[in-house]
Amino acid sequence: MGKGKGKAGKARASHILVDKHSKAVEIVRKIAEGEDFAKMAQEHSSCPSSKKGGDLGFFGKGQMVTEFEKATFALSVGAMTREPVKTKFGYHIIKRTA
């Protein structure tokens, strides 16, 4: 029954990190139109996780910057932020995967 439920108190997410809000908005639009999230991460993200399609693995509360954490834990599994999330690193498009 607990198959695929992930780890208690943790989330798993992938993200795309870019330096401009306008670029993040454009990527969100392309994904909404059918582009693959992982492919877009590989092509556009400045984070080293881009090599893994943006996958950051599992993390608990307190491990990520506040804005990123709040946005991730507010998403249902499989959902993606529709607005870019601004942090000190830039603009993130976040997809919760577990």
N, C-alpha and C. Protein backbone atom coordinates (compact mmCIF):
# COMPACT_ATOMS: atom_id res chain seq x y z
N MET A 1 0.81 -1.20 0.00
CA MET A 1 0.00 0.00 0.00
C MET A 1 0.86 1.27 0.00
N GLY A 2 2.01 1.24 0.67
CA GLY A 2 2.84 2.43 0.75
C GLY A 2 3.75 2.63 -0.45
N LYS A 3 3.49 1.90 -1.51
CA LYS A 3 4.32 1.97 -2.71
C LYS A 3 4.33 3.37 -3.33
N GLY A 4 5.53 3.90 -3.60
CA GLY A 4 5.64 5.17 -4.30
C GLY A 4 5.28 6.39 -3.48
N LYS A 5 5.17 6.24 -2.17
CA LYS A 5 4.76 7.36 -1.33
C LYS A 5 5.93 8.23 -0.89
N GLY A 6 7.16 7.80 -1.12
CA GLY A 6 8.30 8.62 -0.73
C GLY A 6 8.63 8.45 0.73
N LYS A 7 9.31 9.43 1.30
CA LYS A 7 9.79 9.35 2.67
C LYS A 7 9.03 10.36 3.52
N ALA A 8 8.63 9.96 4.71
CA ALA A 8 7.86 10.82 5.59
C ALA A 8 8.60 12.12 5.89
N GLY A 9 7.89 13.26 5.78
CA GLY A 9 8.47 14.55 6.09
C GLY A 9 9.45 15.07 5.04
N LYS A 10 9.57 14.35 3.95
CA LYS A 10 10.51 14.77 2.90
C LYS A 10 9.76 14.95 1.59
N ALA A 11 10.39 15.68 0.70
CA ALA A 11 9.85 15.87 -0.64
C ALA A 11 10.98 15.57 -1.62
N ARG A 12 10.61 15.25 -2.83
CA ARG A 12 11.59 15.12 -3.90
C ARG A 12 11.15 16.07 -4.99
N ALA A 13 12.10 16.79 -5.53
CA ALA A 13 11.75 17.78 -6.54
C ALA A 13 12.84 17.88 -7.60
N SER A 14 12.41 18.36 -8.75
CA SER A 14 13.31 18.73 -9.83
C SER A 14 13.10 20.21 -10.04
N HIS A 15 14.12 20.89 -10.54
CA HIS A 15 13.95 22.32 -10.80
C HIS A 15 14.77 22.76 -11.99
N ILE A 16 14.40 23.93 -12.48
CA ILE A 16 15.13 24.60 -13.54
C ILE A 16 15.48 25.97 -12.96
N LEU A 17 16.76 26.29 -12.95
CA LEU A 17 17.23 27.55 -12.39
C LEU A 17 17.76 28.45 -13.52
N VAL A 18 17.19 29.65 -13.59
CA VAL A 18 17.64 30.63 -14.59
C VAL A 18 17.82 31.99 -13.91
N ASP A 19 18.51 32.91 -14.59
CA ASP A 19 18.80 34.21 -13.96
C ASP A 19 17.76 35.29 -14.23
N LYS A 20 16.89 35.07 -15.22
CA LYS A 20 15.91 36.11 -15.56
C LYS A 20 14.47 35.60 -15.41
N HIS A 21 13.63 36.45 -14.82
CA HIS A 21 12.22 36.12 -14.64
C HIS A 21 11.56 35.84 -16.00
N SER A 22 11.87 36.66 -16.99
CA SER A 22 11.25 36.49 -18.31
C SER A 22 11.59 35.14 -18.93
N LYS A 23 12.82 34.67 -18.72
CA LYS A 23 13.21 33.37 -19.26
C LYS A 23 12.46 32.25 -18.52
N ALA A 24 12.32 32.40 -17.21
CA ALA A 24 11.58 31.40 -16.43
C ALA A 24 10.12 31.32 -16.89
N VAL A 25 9.50 32.46 -17.11
CA VAL A 25 8.11 32.50 -17.58
C VAL A 25 7.98 31.81 -18.93
N GLU A 26 8.94 32.05 -19.81
CA GLU A 26 8.94 31.43 -21.13
C GLU A 26 9.06 29.90 -21.02
N ILE A 27 9.90 29.42 -20.11
CA ILE A 27 10.08 27.98 -19.92
C ILE A 27 8.80 27.35 -19.35
N VAL A 28 8.17 28.02 -18.39
CA VAL A 28 6.90 27.53 -17.84
C VAL A 28 5.88 27.38 -18.96
N ARG A 29 5.81 28.37 -19.84
CA ARG A 29 4.86 28.34 -20.97
C ARG A 29 5.15 27.14 -21.87
N LYS A 30 6.43 26.93 -22.20
CA LYS A 30 6.78 25.82 -23.08
C LYS A 30 6.43 24.47 -22.47
N ILE A 31 6.66 24.32 -21.17
CA ILE A 31 6.31 23.07 -20.50
C ILE A 31 4.79 22.88 -20.50
N ALA A 32 4.06 23.96 -20.25
CA ALA A 32 2.59 23.90 -20.27
C ALA A 32 2.08 23.50 -21.65
N GLU A 33 2.84 23.84 -22.69
CA GLU A 33 2.46 23.51 -24.07
C GLU A 33 2.94 22.11 -24.48
N GLY A 34 3.60 21.40 -23.55
CA GLY A 34 3.97 20.02 -23.86
C GLY A 34 5.45 19.68 -23.86
N GLU A 35 6.32 20.67 -23.70
CA GLU A 35 7.75 20.37 -23.64
C GLU A 35 8.05 19.53 -22.39
N ASP A 36 9.05 18.68 -22.47
CA ASP A 36 9.43 17.82 -21.37
C ASP A 36 10.23 18.61 -20.33
N PHE A 37 9.83 18.50 -19.04
CA PHE A 37 10.49 19.23 -17.95
C PHE A 37 11.98 18.91 -17.90
N ALA A 38 12.33 17.61 -17.89
CA ALA A 38 13.73 17.20 -17.78
C ALA A 38 14.57 17.73 -18.95
N LYS A 39 13.99 17.69 -20.14
CA LYS A 39 14.70 18.19 -21.32
C LYS A 39 14.94 19.69 -21.20
N MET A 40 13.95 20.41 -20.72
CA MET A 40 14.09 21.86 -20.54
C MET A 40 15.14 22.17 -19.47
N ALA A 41 15.19 21.34 -18.43
CA ALA A 41 16.20 21.53 -17.38
C ALA A 41 17.60 21.33 -17.96
N GLN A 42 17.75 20.28 -18.75
CA GLN A 42 19.06 20.01 -19.35
C GLN A 42 19.51 21.14 -20.26
N GLU A 43 18.56 21.73 -20.98
CA GLU A 43 18.90 22.78 -21.94
C GLU A 43 19.07 24.17 -21.33
N HIS A 44 18.35 24.45 -20.23
CA HIS A 44 18.30 25.83 -19.74
C HIS A 44 18.78 26.07 -18.33
N SER A 45 18.79 25.07 -17.46
CA SER A 45 19.11 25.30 -16.06
C SER A 45 20.60 25.53 -15.84
N SER A 46 20.92 26.49 -14.95
CA SER A 46 22.31 26.77 -14.62
C SER A 46 22.79 25.95 -13.42
N CYS A 47 21.90 25.14 -12.85
CA CYS A 47 22.26 24.30 -11.70
C CYS A 47 22.92 23.01 -12.18
N PRO A 48 23.91 22.50 -11.43
CA PRO A 48 24.53 21.22 -11.81
C PRO A 48 23.52 20.07 -11.93
N SER A 49 22.37 20.19 -11.24
CA SER A 49 21.33 19.16 -11.32
C SER A 49 20.75 19.03 -12.73
N SER A 50 21.05 20.00 -13.60
CA SER A 50 20.52 19.96 -14.96
C SER A 50 20.93 18.68 -15.68
N LYS A 51 22.10 18.14 -15.32
CA LYS A 51 22.58 16.90 -15.95
C LYS A 51 21.65 15.72 -15.64
N LYS A 52 20.90 15.84 -14.53
CA LYS A 52 19.96 14.78 -14.13
C LYS A 52 18.52 15.24 -14.39
N GLY A 53 18.33 16.12 -15.33
CA GLY A 53 16.99 16.60 -15.65
C GLY A 53 16.42 17.50 -14.56
N GLY A 54 17.31 18.05 -13.73
CA GLY A 54 16.87 18.96 -12.67
C GLY A 54 16.60 18.27 -11.34
N ASP A 55 16.76 16.95 -11.28
CA ASP A 55 16.43 16.19 -10.06
C ASP A 55 17.35 16.56 -8.91
N LEU A 56 16.75 16.96 -7.78
CA LEU A 56 17.49 17.31 -6.58
C LEU A 56 17.44 16.20 -5.53
N GLY A 57 16.70 15.14 -5.81
CA GLY A 57 16.56 14.06 -4.84
C GLY A 57 15.62 14.45 -3.70
N PHE A 58 15.64 13.64 -2.63
CA PHE A 58 14.78 13.89 -1.47
C PHE A 58 15.44 14.91 -0.55
N PHE A 59 14.63 15.77 0.07
CA PHE A 59 15.14 16.69 1.08
C PHE A 59 14.04 16.98 2.08
N GLY A 60 14.46 17.31 3.28
CA GLY A 60 13.52 17.63 4.35
C GLY A 60 13.44 19.13 4.55
N LYS A 61 12.56 19.52 5.45
CA LYS A 61 12.41 20.94 5.76
C LYS A 61 13.70 21.43 6.41
N GLY A 62 14.10 22.64 6.03
CA GLY A 62 15.31 23.23 6.58
C GLY A 62 16.56 22.97 5.75
N GLN A 63 16.44 22.19 4.69
CA GLN A 63 17.60 21.87 3.85
C GLN A 63 17.74 22.79 2.65
N MET A 64 16.66 23.43 2.24
CA MET A 64 16.68 24.32 1.07
C MET A 64 16.38 25.74 1.54
N VAL A 65 16.66 26.73 0.69
CA VAL A 65 16.31 28.11 1.05
C VAL A 65 14.79 28.19 1.23
N THR A 66 14.37 29.07 2.13
CA THR A 66 12.97 29.16 2.55
C THR A 66 11.96 29.23 1.39
N GLU A 67 12.21 30.12 0.43
CA GLU A 67 11.24 30.30 -0.67
C GLU A 67 11.08 29.01 -1.48
N PHE A 68 12.19 28.34 -1.71
CA PHE A 68 12.17 27.09 -2.47
C PHE A 68 11.42 26.01 -1.69
N GLU A 69 11.74 25.90 -0.42
CA GLU A 69 11.10 24.90 0.43
C GLU A 69 9.59 25.10 0.51
N LYS A 70 9.16 26.33 0.77
CA LYS A 70 7.72 26.63 0.88
C LYS A 70 7.00 26.26 -0.41
N ALA A 71 7.57 26.64 -1.54
CA ALA A 71 6.94 26.35 -2.83
C ALA A 71 6.86 24.85 -3.08
N THR A 72 7.92 24.13 -2.76
CA THR A 72 7.94 22.68 -3.00
C THR A 72 6.93 21.95 -2.15
N PHE A 73 6.91 22.23 -0.85
CA PHE A 73 6.01 21.52 0.05
C PHE A 73 4.54 21.91 -0.18
N ALA A 74 4.29 23.04 -0.83
CA ALA A 74 2.92 23.46 -1.14
C ALA A 74 2.38 22.74 -2.38
N LEU A 75 3.26 22.17 -3.20
CA LEU A 75 2.84 21.47 -4.42
C LEU A 75 2.37 20.05 -4.12
N SER A 76 1.41 19.56 -4.89
CA SER A 76 1.09 18.14 -4.81
C SER A 76 2.08 17.41 -5.69
N VAL A 77 2.28 16.14 -5.40
CA VAL A 77 3.21 15.33 -6.18
C VAL A 77 2.78 15.35 -7.65
N GLY A 78 3.72 15.63 -8.53
CA GLY A 78 3.43 15.71 -9.96
C GLY A 78 3.16 17.12 -10.44
N ALA A 79 2.92 18.05 -9.50
CA ALA A 79 2.60 19.42 -9.88
C ALA A 79 3.87 20.26 -10.03
N MET A 80 3.72 21.36 -10.77
CA MET A 80 4.82 22.27 -11.04
C MET A 80 4.39 23.69 -10.70
N THR A 81 5.33 24.50 -10.26
CA THR A 81 5.00 25.90 -10.00
C THR A 81 4.63 26.58 -11.32
N ARG A 82 3.58 27.38 -11.29
CA ARG A 82 3.13 28.08 -12.50
C ARG A 82 3.77 29.45 -12.60
N GLU A 83 4.29 29.94 -11.48
CA GLU A 83 5.02 31.20 -11.45
C GLU A 83 6.43 30.88 -10.97
N PRO A 84 7.45 31.54 -11.54
CA PRO A 84 8.82 31.31 -11.08
C PRO A 84 8.97 31.68 -9.60
N VAL A 85 9.80 30.94 -8.89
CA VAL A 85 10.06 31.18 -7.48
C VAL A 85 11.42 31.87 -7.38
N LYS A 86 11.44 33.09 -6.82
CA LYS A 86 12.68 33.85 -6.73
C LYS A 86 13.40 33.51 -5.43
N THR A 87 14.71 33.21 -5.55
CA THR A 87 15.58 33.03 -4.39
C THR A 87 16.86 33.81 -4.66
N LYS A 88 17.78 33.74 -3.72
CA LYS A 88 19.06 34.44 -3.91
C LYS A 88 19.86 33.84 -5.07
N PHE A 89 19.48 32.65 -5.53
CA PHE A 89 20.19 31.99 -6.62
C PHE A 89 19.66 32.37 -8.00
N GLY A 90 18.42 32.86 -8.04
CA GLY A 90 17.79 33.21 -9.31
C GLY A 90 16.33 32.82 -9.29
N TYR A 91 15.81 32.42 -10.44
CA TYR A 91 14.40 32.05 -10.59
C TYR A 91 14.28 30.56 -10.86
N HIS A 92 13.43 29.90 -10.07
CA HIS A 92 13.27 28.46 -10.17
C HIS A 92 11.88 28.11 -10.69
N ILE A 93 11.85 27.05 -11.51
CA ILE A 93 10.60 26.39 -11.87
C ILE A 93 10.75 25.05 -11.17
N ILE A 94 9.81 24.76 -10.29
CA ILE A 94 9.93 23.57 -9.43
C ILE A 94 8.84 22.57 -9.76
N LYS A 95 9.23 21.32 -9.86
CA LYS A 95 8.27 20.22 -10.05
C LYS A 95 8.47 19.23 -8.90
N ARG A 96 7.42 19.01 -8.15
CA ARG A 96 7.51 18.04 -7.04
C ARG A 96 7.30 16.65 -7.61
N THR A 97 8.23 15.75 -7.34
CA THR A 97 8.15 14.42 -7.92
C THR A 97 7.84 13.33 -6.90
N ALA A 98 7.92 13.65 -5.59
CA ALA A 98 7.54 12.68 -4.55
C ALA A 98 7.34 13.42 -3.24
